[in-house]
Amino acid sequence: MTELRDVRHGQSLCAYELRKATESAARAAFALLGQADKSQGAAAALAAMQAELSAQAIDARIIAGEPERRLGDPTRLPRWDLLMDPAEGAGFLTKGMTNAMSCLALAPTGSLFDPGPAFYMEKLVAPPQAAACIDPMAPVADKLAALARCLGKDVSDLTIYVLEKPRHRPLVERIQSQGARVALYPAGDVAGAVLAAMPDSNIDALMGTGGCLEGLLAACAAKVMGATFLARLDPQLATERRAVAEAGLDTTSWRDLAELVRSDCVAFCATGITSGLLLDGVERSGNSERTHSLLVGGGAGDRQMLASWHRLAA
């Protein structure tokens, strides 16, 4: 079985094993789908993911999205940096909306960009063909024209994934004014970025501002797939802007994958909770549940889709 190996520490991990953590989290969230309290599904997913990763004896520090903490033996130096979002799109789980999924990424310690107190970043994600072709500082019309040339399409044939947020209304208007299509979704930041990174999906790019955690998760997948991924910190709240400024972080410069993910030794796993553009959601039939997962890196190559069946407890 091929594995993700950190040669510095002699530790190896396999994406096929890691996906058990996202499967467990997705199933736990699915069991509470439609509950009035949206935090219940997210909490259950987090507990399930941590329990599975602990069972795999992963020695990692959890970074981005929350105060840094450890998973594994606290007396040893962490061997991995772990990004985890057990219920991405959790705010929409109570409504059973699309694109909710459980995801994680793993990379050698110190190889991932640290966003510090920043929670939001602006992203521009596109397939490998667009590498070094798009200037993230250019106007939207120029970005679309460059993307169309790289992909051998007309601008009118492009589909751009954008989160449906009030801050993106001007962006959506600019995209549509050029004749390109906009795929608007209230959630699914990771799914949209991963789809944009794939050379054969129906999404040609992702544009707009979303979470730093979600951005770094997708950047790990994009790194393995050789995609175009550019990002800059884009704090949204006054408190976040102050914290970012006090930390001395640059909010004007765009970072590419070489800065965001400084290792090729990465793995990304995601399992659908509810069905969306990227993954099917958990499906229950009789005494079993079917999960649908995406594996990238860690012995799974550029990407593999995996369906698994799990027997329900009696």
C-alpha atoms as a PDB file:
ATOM      1  CA  MET A   1       0.000   0.000   0.000  1.00  0.00           C
ATOM      2  CA  THR A   2       1.504   3.349  -1.013  1.00  0.00           C
ATOM      3  CA  GLU A   3       1.703   5.970   1.686  1.00  0.00           C
ATOM      4  CA  LEU A   4       2.334   9.586   2.544  1.00  0.00           C
ATOM      5  CA  ARG A   5       5.808   9.548   4.085  1.00  0.00           C
ATOM      6  CA  ASP A   6       7.681  12.175   6.070  1.00  0.00           C
ATOM      7  CA  VAL A   7      11.263  11.101   5.533  1.00  0.00           C
ATOM      8  CA  ARG A   8      12.558  13.453   8.244  1.00  0.00           C
ATOM      9  CA  HIS A   9      10.795  11.506  10.972  1.00  0.00           C
ATOM     10  CA  GLY A  10      10.345   8.118   9.356  1.00  0.00           C
ATOM     11  CA  GLN A  11       6.595   8.304   9.864  1.00  0.00           C
ATOM     12  CA  SER A  12       4.173   7.350   7.128  1.00  0.00           C
ATOM     13  CA  LEU A  13       0.439   7.814   6.765  1.00  0.00           C
ATOM     14  CA  CYS A  14      -1.954   6.580   4.134  1.00  0.00           C
ATOM     15  CA  ALA A  15      -4.814   8.558   2.592  1.00  0.00           C
ATOM     16  CA  TYR A  16      -6.907   5.389   2.612  1.00  0.00           C
ATOM     17  CA  GLU A  17      -6.592   5.325   6.410  1.00  0.00           C
ATOM     18  CA  LEU A  18      -7.052   9.069   6.838  1.00  0.00           C
ATOM     19  CA  ARG A  19     -10.340   8.988   4.967  1.00  0.00           C
ATOM     20  CA  LYS A  20     -11.800   6.926   7.828  1.00  0.00           C
ATOM     21  CA  ALA A  21     -11.723  10.129   9.889  1.00  0.00           C
ATOM     22  CA  THR A  22     -13.726  12.128   7.337  1.00  0.00           C
ATOM     23  CA  GLU A  23     -16.119   9.204   6.846  1.00  0.00           C
ATOM     24  CA  SER A  24     -16.731   8.995  10.603  1.00  0.00           C
ATOM     25  CA  ALA A  25     -17.280  12.743  10.851  1.00  0.00           C
ATOM     26  CA  ALA A  26     -19.642  12.823   7.864  1.00  0.00           C
ATOM     27  CA  ARG A  27     -21.723   9.973   9.232  1.00  0.00           C
ATOM     28  CA  ALA A  28     -21.928  11.606  12.658  1.00  0.00           C
ATOM     29  CA  ALA A  29     -23.091  14.898  11.117  1.00  0.00           C
ATOM     30  CA  PHE A  30     -25.560  13.101   8.852  1.00  0.00           C
ATOM     31  CA  ALA A  31     -27.154  11.375  11.856  1.00  0.00           C
ATOM     32  CA  LEU A  32     -28.146  14.811  13.172  1.00  0.00           C
ATOM     33  CA  LEU A  33     -29.161  16.290   9.819  1.00  0.00           C
ATOM     34  CA  GLY A  34     -32.174  18.560  10.170  1.00  0.00           C
ATOM     35  CA  GLN A  35     -31.801  19.138  13.913  1.00  0.00           C
ATOM     36  CA  ALA A  36     -32.814  22.604  15.055  1.00  0.00           C
ATOM     37  CA  ASP A  37     -29.473  23.205  16.789  1.00  0.00           C
ATOM     38  CA  LYS A  38     -26.853  23.390  14.030  1.00  0.00           C
ATOM     39  CA  SER A  39     -24.030  23.086  16.574  1.00  0.00           C
ATOM     40  CA  GLN A  40     -25.035  19.517  17.436  1.00  0.00           C
ATOM     41  CA  GLY A  41     -24.042  18.124  14.046  1.00  0.00           C
ATOM     42  CA  ALA A  42     -20.765  20.059  14.003  1.00  0.00           C
ATOM     43  CA  ALA A  43     -19.882  18.917  17.533  1.00  0.00           C
ATOM     44  CA  ALA A  44     -20.665  15.294  16.726  1.00  0.00           C
ATOM     45  CA  ALA A  45     -18.568  15.460  13.563  1.00  0.00           C
ATOM     46  CA  LEU A  46     -15.619  16.969  15.438  1.00  0.00           C
ATOM     47  CA  ALA A  47     -15.740  14.306  18.156  1.00  0.00           C
ATOM     48  CA  ALA A  48     -15.927  11.509  15.583  1.00  0.00           C
ATOM     49  CA  MET A  49     -13.015  12.881  13.545  1.00  0.00           C
ATOM     50  CA  GLN A  50     -10.780  13.351  16.570  1.00  0.00           C
ATOM     51  CA  ALA A  51     -11.594   9.884  17.889  1.00  0.00           C
ATOM     52  CA  GLU A  52     -10.653   8.238  14.579  1.00  0.00           C
ATOM     53  CA  LEU A  53      -7.435  10.248  14.202  1.00  0.00           C
ATOM     54  CA  SER A  54      -6.467   9.401  17.787  1.00  0.00           C
ATOM     55  CA  ALA A  55      -7.050   5.740  17.032  1.00  0.00           C
ATOM     56  CA  GLN A  56      -4.601   6.103  14.137  1.00  0.00           C
ATOM     57  CA  ALA A  57      -2.018   7.524  16.598  1.00  0.00           C
ATOM     58  CA  ILE A  58      -1.406  10.651  14.537  1.00  0.00           C
ATOM     59  CA  ASP A  59       1.004  13.056  16.230  1.00  0.00           C
ATOM     60  CA  ALA A  60       0.003  16.453  14.879  1.00  0.00           C
ATOM     61  CA  ARG A  61      -0.700  20.066  15.724  1.00  0.00           C
ATOM     62  CA  ILE A  62      -4.071  21.373  14.587  1.00  0.00           C
ATOM     63  CA  ILE A  63      -3.651  24.745  12.886  1.00  0.00           C
ATOM     64  CA  ALA A  64      -5.867  27.448  11.341  1.00  0.00           C
ATOM     65  CA  GLY A  65      -9.448  28.234  12.207  1.00  0.00           C
ATOM     66  CA  GLU A  66      -8.976  28.009  15.980  1.00  0.00           C
ATOM     67  CA  PRO A  67      -6.242  28.335  18.639  1.00  0.00           C
ATOM     68  CA  GLU A  68      -3.426  25.896  17.864  1.00  0.00           C
ATOM     69  CA  ARG A  69      -3.680  22.629  19.769  1.00  0.00           C
ATOM     70  CA  ARG A  70      -2.272  19.139  19.725  1.00  0.00           C
ATOM     71  CA  LEU A  71      -3.489  15.697  18.765  1.00  0.00           C
ATOM     72  CA  GLY A  72      -1.297  12.834  19.893  1.00  0.00           C
ATOM     73  CA  ASP A  73       1.566  12.534  22.384  1.00  0.00           C
ATOM     74  CA  PRO A  74       2.154  15.970  23.997  1.00  0.00           C
ATOM     75  CA  THR A  75       5.657  14.951  25.102  1.00  0.00           C
ATOM     76  CA  ARG A  76       6.887  14.626  21.509  1.00  0.00           C
ATOM     77  CA  LEU A  77       7.417  17.176  18.789  1.00  0.00           C
ATOM     78  CA  PRO A  78       4.450  17.139  16.363  1.00  0.00           C
ATOM     79  CA  ARG A  79       5.292  15.440  13.081  1.00  0.00           C
ATOM     80  CA  TRP A  80       2.423  16.833  11.072  1.00  0.00           C
ATOM     81  CA  ASP A  81       0.365  19.964  10.616  1.00  0.00           C
ATOM     82  CA  LEU A  82      -3.315  19.067  10.518  1.00  0.00           C
ATOM     83  CA  LEU A  83      -6.121  21.084   8.965  1.00  0.00           C
ATOM     84  CA  MET A  84      -9.576  19.825   9.807  1.00  0.00           C
ATOM     85  CA  ASP A  85     -13.101  20.966   9.066  1.00  0.00           C
ATOM     86  CA  PRO A  86     -15.360  18.130  10.258  1.00  0.00           C
ATOM     87  CA  ALA A  87     -18.546  19.800   8.998  1.00  0.00           C
ATOM     88  CA  GLU A  88     -17.768  22.381   6.307  1.00  0.00           C
ATOM     89  CA  GLY A  89     -21.012  24.174   5.553  1.00  0.00           C
ATOM     90  CA  ALA A  90     -22.312  23.226   9.023  1.00  0.00           C
ATOM     91  CA  GLY A  91     -24.443  26.358   9.147  1.00  0.00           C
ATOM     92  CA  PHE A  92     -26.650  24.864   6.436  1.00  0.00           C
ATOM     93  CA  LEU A  93     -26.902  21.326   7.817  1.00  0.00           C
ATOM     94  CA  THR A  94     -30.146  22.118   9.616  1.00  0.00           C
ATOM     95  CA  LYS A  95     -31.699  22.791   6.208  1.00  0.00           C
ATOM     96  CA  GLY A  96     -30.098  19.772   4.527  1.00  0.00           C
ATOM     97  CA  MET A  97     -28.562  22.030   1.881  1.00  0.00           C
ATOM     98  CA  THR A  98     -25.930  20.980  -0.649  1.00  0.00           C
ATOM     99  CA  ASN A  99     -22.141  20.883  -0.519  1.00  0.00           C
ATOM    100  CA  ALA A 100     -21.763  20.105   3.204  1.00  0.00           C
ATOM    101  CA  MET A 101     -18.808  17.803   3.738  1.00  0.00           C
ATOM    102  CA  SER A 102     -16.144  16.675   6.170  1.00  0.00           C
ATOM    103  CA  CYS A 103     -12.529  17.305   5.183  1.00  0.00           C
ATOM    104  CA  LEU A 104      -8.962  17.286   6.459  1.00  0.00           C
ATOM    105  CA  ALA A 105      -5.447  17.796   5.153  1.00  0.00           C
ATOM    106  CA  LEU A 106      -2.076  16.754   6.496  1.00  0.00           C
ATOM    107  CA  ALA A 107       1.415  18.088   5.779  1.00  0.00           C
ATOM    108  CA  PRO A 108       4.829  17.963   7.526  1.00  0.00           C
ATOM    109  CA  THR A 109       5.114  20.348  10.463  1.00  0.00           C
ATOM    110  CA  GLY A 110       5.971  23.889   9.432  1.00  0.00           C
ATOM    111  CA  SER A 111       5.199  23.396   5.737  1.00  0.00           C
ATOM    112  CA  LEU A 112       1.858  25.225   5.668  1.00  0.00           C
ATOM    113  CA  PHE A 113       1.289  28.981   5.596  1.00  0.00           C
ATOM    114  CA  ASP A 114       0.217  30.249   9.017  1.00  0.00           C
ATOM    115  CA  PRO A 115      -2.607  32.821   8.699  1.00  0.00           C
ATOM    116  CA  GLY A 116      -2.245  33.780  12.355  1.00  0.00           C
ATOM    117  CA  PRO A 117      -5.354  35.620  13.601  1.00  0.00           C
ATOM    118  CA  ALA A 118      -6.771  36.000  10.076  1.00  0.00           C
ATOM    119  CA  PHE A 119     -10.023  34.163   9.383  1.00  0.00           C
ATOM    120  CA  TYR A 120     -10.633  35.259   5.784  1.00  0.00           C
ATOM    121  CA  MET A 121      -8.650  35.223   2.556  1.00  0.00           C
ATOM    122  CA  GLU A 122      -9.435  36.143  -1.028  1.00  0.00           C
ATOM    123  CA  LYS A 123      -8.787  33.288  -3.451  1.00  0.00           C
ATOM    124  CA  LEU A 124      -8.335  32.755  -7.144  1.00  0.00           C
ATOM    125  CA  VAL A 125      -8.321  29.070  -8.065  1.00  0.00           C
ATOM    126  CA  ALA A 126      -8.144  27.593 -11.565  1.00  0.00           C
ATOM    127  CA  PRO A 127      -7.029  24.382 -13.334  1.00  0.00           C
ATOM    128  CA  PRO A 128      -3.365  23.579 -14.048  1.00  0.00           C
ATOM    129  CA  GLN A 129      -3.616  25.031 -17.595  1.00  0.00           C
ATOM    130  CA  ALA A 130      -3.968  28.508 -16.101  1.00  0.00           C
ATOM    131  CA  ALA A 131      -0.710  28.407 -14.148  1.00  0.00           C
ATOM    132  CA  ALA A 132       1.238  31.709 -14.407  1.00  0.00           C
ATOM    133  CA  CYS A 133      -1.375  33.078 -16.850  1.00  0.00           C
ATOM    134  CA  ILE A 134      -3.617  35.111 -14.538  1.00  0.00           C
ATOM    135  CA  ASP A 135      -2.661  38.292 -12.697  1.00  0.00           C
ATOM    136  CA  PRO A 136      -4.682  38.324  -9.447  1.00  0.00           C
ATOM    137  CA  MET A 137      -4.345  42.126  -9.286  1.00  0.00           C
ATOM    138  CA  ALA A 138      -5.923  42.606 -12.708  1.00  0.00           C
ATOM    139  CA  PRO A 139      -9.541  43.686 -13.207  1.00  0.00           C
ATOM    140  CA  VAL A 140     -12.115  40.905 -13.350  1.00  0.00           C
ATOM    141  CA  ALA A 141     -12.559  41.340 -17.114  1.00  0.00           C
ATOM    142  CA  ASP A 142      -8.833  40.796 -17.700  1.00  0.00           C
ATOM    143  CA  LYS A 143      -8.764  37.762 -15.424  1.00  0.00           C
ATOM    144  CA  LEU A 144     -11.633  36.168 -17.312  1.00  0.00           C
ATOM    145  CA  ALA A 145     -10.052  36.913 -20.686  1.00  0.00           C
ATOM    146  CA  ALA A 146      -6.737  35.365 -19.576  1.00  0.00           C
ATOM    147  CA  LEU A 147      -8.492  32.314 -18.134  1.00  0.00           C
ATOM    148  CA  ALA A 148     -10.476  31.809 -21.340  1.00  0.00           C
ATOM    149  CA  ARG A 149      -7.282  31.925 -23.428  1.00  0.00           C
ATOM    150  CA  CYS A 150      -5.573  29.375 -21.177  1.00  0.00           C
ATOM    151  CA  LEU A 151      -8.501  26.984 -21.311  1.00  0.00           C
ATOM    152  CA  GLY A 152      -9.206  27.462 -25.018  1.00  0.00           C
ATOM    153  CA  LYS A 153     -12.720  28.735 -24.371  1.00  0.00           C
ATOM    154  CA  ASP A 154     -14.778  31.815 -24.994  1.00  0.00           C
ATOM    155  CA  VAL A 155     -15.441  33.947 -21.927  1.00  0.00           C
ATOM    156  CA  SER A 156     -19.131  33.198 -22.385  1.00  0.00           C
ATOM    157  CA  ASP A 157     -18.362  29.503 -21.845  1.00  0.00           C
ATOM    158  CA  LEU A 158     -16.684  30.037 -18.457  1.00  0.00           C
ATOM    159  CA  THR A 159     -18.369  29.097 -15.174  1.00  0.00           C
ATOM    160  CA  ILE A 160     -17.034  30.809 -12.049  1.00  0.00           C
ATOM    161  CA  TYR A 161     -17.812  29.509  -8.571  1.00  0.00           C
ATOM    162  CA  VAL A 162     -18.619  32.278  -6.073  1.00  0.00           C
ATOM    163  CA  LEU A 163     -19.960  32.048  -2.528  1.00  0.00           C
ATOM    164  CA  GLU A 164     -23.361  33.708  -2.273  1.00  0.00           C
ATOM    165  CA  LYS A 165     -22.464  36.471   0.179  1.00  0.00           C
ATOM    166  CA  PRO A 166     -23.351  40.201   0.233  1.00  0.00           C
ATOM    167  CA  ARG A 167     -19.647  41.080  -0.125  1.00  0.00           C
ATOM    168  CA  HIS A 168     -19.576  39.337  -3.503  1.00  0.00           C
ATOM    169  CA  ARG A 169     -22.392  41.234  -5.203  1.00  0.00           C
ATOM    170  CA  PRO A 170     -20.019  43.571  -7.109  1.00  0.00           C
ATOM    171  CA  LEU A 171     -17.862  40.587  -8.127  1.00  0.00           C
ATOM    172  CA  VAL A 172     -20.880  38.679  -9.443  1.00  0.00           C
ATOM    173  CA  GLU A 173     -22.029  41.714 -11.438  1.00  0.00           C
ATOM    174  CA  ARG A 174     -18.583  42.125 -13.020  1.00  0.00           C
ATOM    175  CA  ILE A 175     -18.385  38.454 -13.984  1.00  0.00           C
ATOM    176  CA  GLN A 176     -21.854  38.441 -15.488  1.00  0.00           C
ATOM    177  CA  SER A 177     -21.216  41.721 -17.333  1.00  0.00           C
ATOM    178  CA  GLN A 178     -18.489  39.909 -19.283  1.00  0.00           C
ATOM    179  CA  GLY A 179     -20.904  37.168 -20.298  1.00  0.00           C
ATOM    180  CA  ALA A 180     -19.479  34.433 -18.058  1.00  0.00           C
ATOM    181  CA  ARG A 181     -21.723  32.240 -15.904  1.00  0.00           C
ATOM    182  CA  VAL A 182     -21.697  32.348 -12.106  1.00  0.00           C
ATOM    183  CA  ALA A 183     -22.300  29.279  -9.948  1.00  0.00           C
ATOM    184  CA  LEU A 184     -23.597  30.775  -6.675  1.00  0.00           C
ATOM    185  CA  TYR A 185     -23.731  28.631  -3.539  1.00  0.00           C
ATOM    186  CA  PRO A 186     -24.277  29.724   0.084  1.00  0.00           C
ATOM    187  CA  ALA A 187     -21.701  27.197   1.304  1.00  0.00           C
ATOM    188  CA  GLY A 188     -19.048  24.927  -0.111  1.00  0.00           C
ATOM    189  CA  ASP A 189     -15.871  27.011  -0.107  1.00  0.00           C
ATOM    190  CA  VAL A 190     -13.647  23.910  -0.147  1.00  0.00           C
ATOM    191  CA  ALA A 191     -15.739  22.050  -2.719  1.00  0.00           C
ATOM    192  CA  GLY A 192     -15.736  25.037  -5.081  1.00  0.00           C
ATOM    193  CA  ALA A 193     -11.972  25.485  -4.857  1.00  0.00           C
ATOM    194  CA  VAL A 194     -11.247  21.786  -5.377  1.00  0.00           C
ATOM    195  CA  LEU A 195     -13.570  21.675  -8.385  1.00  0.00           C
ATOM    196  CA  ALA A 196     -11.868  24.748  -9.837  1.00  0.00           C
ATOM    197  CA  ALA A 197      -8.484  23.037  -9.403  1.00  0.00           C
ATOM    198  CA  MET A 198      -9.584  19.993 -11.403  1.00  0.00           C
ATOM    199  CA  PRO A 199      -8.884  20.178 -15.134  1.00  0.00           C
ATOM    200  CA  ASP A 200     -12.062  18.322 -16.131  1.00  0.00           C
ATOM    201  CA  SER A 201     -14.806  19.671 -13.868  1.00  0.00           C
ATOM    202  CA  ASN A 202     -17.612  21.998 -14.894  1.00  0.00           C
ATOM    203  CA  ILE A 203     -16.145  24.806 -12.764  1.00  0.00           C
ATOM    204  CA  ASP A 204     -13.472  26.894 -14.505  1.00  0.00           C
ATOM    205  CA  ALA A 205     -12.404  29.015 -11.520  1.00  0.00           C
ATOM    206  CA  LEU A 206     -13.265  30.089  -8.016  1.00  0.00           C
ATOM    207  CA  MET A 207     -13.146  33.773  -7.114  1.00  0.00           C
ATOM    208  CA  GLY A 208     -13.926  35.690  -3.952  1.00  0.00           C
ATOM    209  CA  THR A 209     -13.287  35.747  -0.231  1.00  0.00           C
ATOM    210  CA  GLY A 210     -13.805  32.809   2.094  1.00  0.00           C
ATOM    211  CA  GLY A 211     -12.246  31.208   5.145  1.00  0.00           C
ATOM    212  CA  CYS A 212      -8.491  30.820   5.647  1.00  0.00           C
ATOM    213  CA  LEU A 213      -8.957  27.285   6.957  1.00  0.00           C
ATOM    214  CA  GLU A 214     -11.029  26.327   3.940  1.00  0.00           C
ATOM    215  CA  GLY A 215      -8.483  27.964   1.646  1.00  0.00           C
ATOM    216  CA  LEU A 216      -5.544  26.046   3.098  1.00  0.00           C
ATOM    217  CA  LEU A 217      -7.472  22.777   2.956  1.00  0.00           C
ATOM    218  CA  ALA A 218      -8.181  23.275  -0.742  1.00  0.00           C
ATOM    219  CA  ALA A 219      -4.613  24.488  -1.348  1.00  0.00           C
ATOM    220  CA  CYS A 220      -3.290  21.120  -0.182  1.00  0.00           C
ATOM    221  CA  ALA A 221      -5.445  19.347  -2.760  1.00  0.00           C
ATOM    222  CA  ALA A 222      -4.487  21.895  -5.424  1.00  0.00           C
ATOM    223  CA  LYS A 223      -0.789  21.351  -4.667  1.00  0.00           C
ATOM    224  CA  VAL A 224      -1.025  17.660  -5.530  1.00  0.00           C
ATOM    225  CA  MET A 225      -3.108  18.348  -8.653  1.00  0.00           C
ATOM    226  CA  GLY A 226      -0.715  21.043  -9.897  1.00  0.00           C
ATOM    227  CA  ALA A 227      -3.473  23.628 -10.028  1.00  0.00           C
ATOM    228  CA  THR A 228      -3.401  27.414  -9.984  1.00  0.00           C
ATOM    229  CA  PHE A 229      -4.047  28.716  -6.473  1.00  0.00           C
ATOM    230  CA  LEU A 230      -3.494  32.317  -5.399  1.00  0.00           C
ATOM    231  CA  ALA A 231      -4.569  33.893  -2.122  1.00  0.00           C
ATOM    232  CA  ARG A 232      -4.219  37.016  -0.028  1.00  0.00           C
ATOM    233  CA  LEU A 233      -5.396  37.710   3.503  1.00  0.00           C
ATOM    234  CA  ASP A 234      -8.654  39.669   3.425  1.00  0.00           C
ATOM    235  CA  PRO A 235      -9.929  40.361   6.977  1.00  0.00           C
ATOM    236  CA  GLN A 236     -13.610  41.255   7.091  1.00  0.00           C
ATOM    237  CA  LEU A 237     -14.337  42.425  10.631  1.00  0.00           C
ATOM    238  CA  ALA A 238     -12.779  45.371  12.453  1.00  0.00           C
ATOM    239  CA  THR A 239     -11.511  43.102  15.230  1.00  0.00           C
ATOM    240  CA  GLU A 240      -9.923  40.774  12.677  1.00  0.00           C
ATOM    241  CA  ARG A 241      -8.315  43.681  10.828  1.00  0.00           C
ATOM    242  CA  ARG A 242      -6.797  44.985  14.076  1.00  0.00           C
ATOM    243  CA  ALA A 243      -5.475  41.550  15.048  1.00  0.00           C
ATOM    244  CA  VAL A 244      -3.963  40.992  11.598  1.00  0.00           C
ATOM    245  CA  ALA A 245      -2.330  44.430  11.651  1.00  0.00           C
ATOM    246  CA  GLU A 246      -0.918  43.851  15.144  1.00  0.00           C
ATOM    247  CA  ALA A 247       0.521  40.529  13.959  1.00  0.00           C
ATOM    248  CA  GLY A 248       2.293  42.359  11.116  1.00  0.00           C
ATOM    249  CA  LEU A 249       0.662  40.256   8.405  1.00  0.00           C
ATOM    250  CA  ASP A 250       0.559  41.510   4.810  1.00  0.00           C
ATOM    251  CA  THR A 251      -2.940  41.869   3.365  1.00  0.00           C
ATOM    252  CA  THR A 252      -1.910  43.251  -0.024  1.00  0.00           C
ATOM    253  CA  SER A 253       0.403  40.594  -1.445  1.00  0.00           C
ATOM    254  CA  TRP A 254      -0.906  37.494  -3.196  1.00  0.00           C
ATOM    255  CA  ARG A 255       0.651  34.165  -2.237  1.00  0.00           C
ATOM    256  CA  ASP A 256       0.947  31.212  -4.590  1.00  0.00           C
ATOM    257  CA  LEU A 257       1.083  27.505  -3.794  1.00  0.00           C
ATOM    258  CA  ALA A 258       4.834  27.609  -3.260  1.00  0.00           C
ATOM    259  CA  GLU A 259       4.207  29.889  -0.255  1.00  0.00           C
ATOM    260  CA  LEU A 260       0.956  28.350   0.967  1.00  0.00           C
ATOM    261  CA  VAL A 261       2.047  24.691   0.904  1.00  0.00           C
ATOM    262  CA  ARG A 262       5.827  24.248   1.103  1.00  0.00           C
ATOM    263  CA  SER A 263       5.916  20.473   0.692  1.00  0.00           C
ATOM    264  CA  ASP A 264       4.819  17.897  -1.846  1.00  0.00           C
ATOM    265  CA  CYS A 265       4.249  15.448   1.008  1.00  0.00           C
ATOM    266  CA  VAL A 266       0.593  16.290   1.588  1.00  0.00           C
ATOM    267  CA  ALA A 267      -2.713  14.464   1.711  1.00  0.00           C
ATOM    268  CA  PHE A 268      -6.295  15.724   1.454  1.00  0.00           C
ATOM    269  CA  CYS A 269      -9.462  13.765   2.189  1.00  0.00           C
ATOM    270  CA  ALA A 270     -13.106  14.802   2.002  1.00  0.00           C
ATOM    271  CA  THR A 271     -16.368  12.923   2.518  1.00  0.00           C
ATOM    272  CA  GLY A 272     -19.770  14.277   1.541  1.00  0.00           C
ATOM    273  CA  ILE A 273     -22.402  14.895   4.212  1.00  0.00           C
ATOM    274  CA  THR A 274     -25.054  16.226   1.840  1.00  0.00           C
ATOM    275  CA  SER A 275     -24.810  15.821  -1.931  1.00  0.00           C
ATOM    276  CA  GLY A 276     -23.209  18.629  -3.903  1.00  0.00           C
ATOM    277  CA  LEU A 277     -21.196  19.370  -7.012  1.00  0.00           C
ATOM    278  CA  LEU A 278     -18.120  17.509  -5.767  1.00  0.00           C
ATOM    279  CA  LEU A 279     -19.384  14.613  -3.634  1.00  0.00           C
ATOM    280  CA  ASP A 280     -22.500  12.580  -2.956  1.00  0.00           C
ATOM    281  CA  GLY A 281     -23.846  12.821   0.565  1.00  0.00           C
ATOM    282  CA  VAL A 282     -24.279   9.995   3.037  1.00  0.00           C
ATOM    283  CA  GLU A 283     -26.982   7.579   1.870  1.00  0.00           C
ATOM    284  CA  ARG A 284     -28.719   5.198   4.269  1.00  0.00           C
ATOM    285  CA  SER A 285     -30.259   1.995   2.991  1.00  0.00           C
ATOM    286  CA  GLY A 286     -31.457  -0.792   5.234  1.00  0.00           C
ATOM    287  CA  ASN A 287     -28.772  -1.583   7.784  1.00  0.00           C
ATOM    288  CA  SER A 288     -25.925   0.205   6.020  1.00  0.00           C
ATOM    289  CA  GLU A 289     -24.706   3.669   5.043  1.00  0.00           C
ATOM    290  CA  ARG A 290     -22.836   4.580   1.894  1.00  0.00           C
ATOM    291  CA  THR A 291     -20.204   7.330   1.925  1.00  0.00           C
ATOM    292  CA  HIS A 292     -18.522   9.040  -1.007  1.00  0.00           C
ATOM    293  CA  SER A 293     -14.989  10.387  -0.515  1.00  0.00           C
ATOM    294  CA  LEU A 294     -12.287  12.193  -2.459  1.00  0.00           C
ATOM    295  CA  LEU A 295      -8.657  11.266  -1.749  1.00  0.00           C
ATOM    296  CA  VAL A 296      -5.784  13.405  -3.020  1.00  0.00           C
ATOM    297  CA  GLY A 297      -2.127  12.564  -2.379  1.00  0.00           C
ATOM    298  CA  GLY A 298      -0.968  10.215   0.370  1.00  0.00           C
ATOM    299  CA  GLY A 299      -0.709   7.279  -1.995  1.00  0.00           C
ATOM    300  CA  ALA A 300      -3.970   8.075  -3.778  1.00  0.00           C
ATOM    301  CA  GLY A 301      -2.295   9.977  -6.618  1.00  0.00           C
ATOM    302  CA  ASP A 302      -3.723  13.174  -8.066  1.00  0.00           C
ATOM    303  CA  ARG A 303      -7.212  12.143  -6.982  1.00  0.00           C
ATOM    304  CA  GLN A 304      -9.402   9.132  -6.390  1.00  0.00           C
ATOM    305  CA  MET A 305     -13.084   8.849  -5.620  1.00  0.00           C
ATOM    306  CA  LEU A 306     -14.023   6.126  -3.169  1.00  0.00           C
ATOM    307  CA  ALA A 307     -17.442   4.735  -2.225  1.00  0.00           C
ATOM    308  CA  SER A 308     -17.620   2.822   1.050  1.00  0.00           C
ATOM    309  CA  TRP A 309     -20.419   0.940   2.774  1.00  0.00           C
ATOM    310  CA  HIS A 310     -20.681   0.918   6.559  1.00  0.00           C
ATOM    311  CA  ARG A 311     -22.829  -1.440   8.593  1.00  0.00           C
ATOM    312  CA  LEU A 312     -25.080   0.357  11.066  1.00  0.00           C
ATOM    313  CA  ALA A 313     -24.883  -0.601  14.715  1.00  0.00           C
ATOM    314  CA  ALA A 314     -27.695  -2.859  15.814  1.00  0.00           C
END
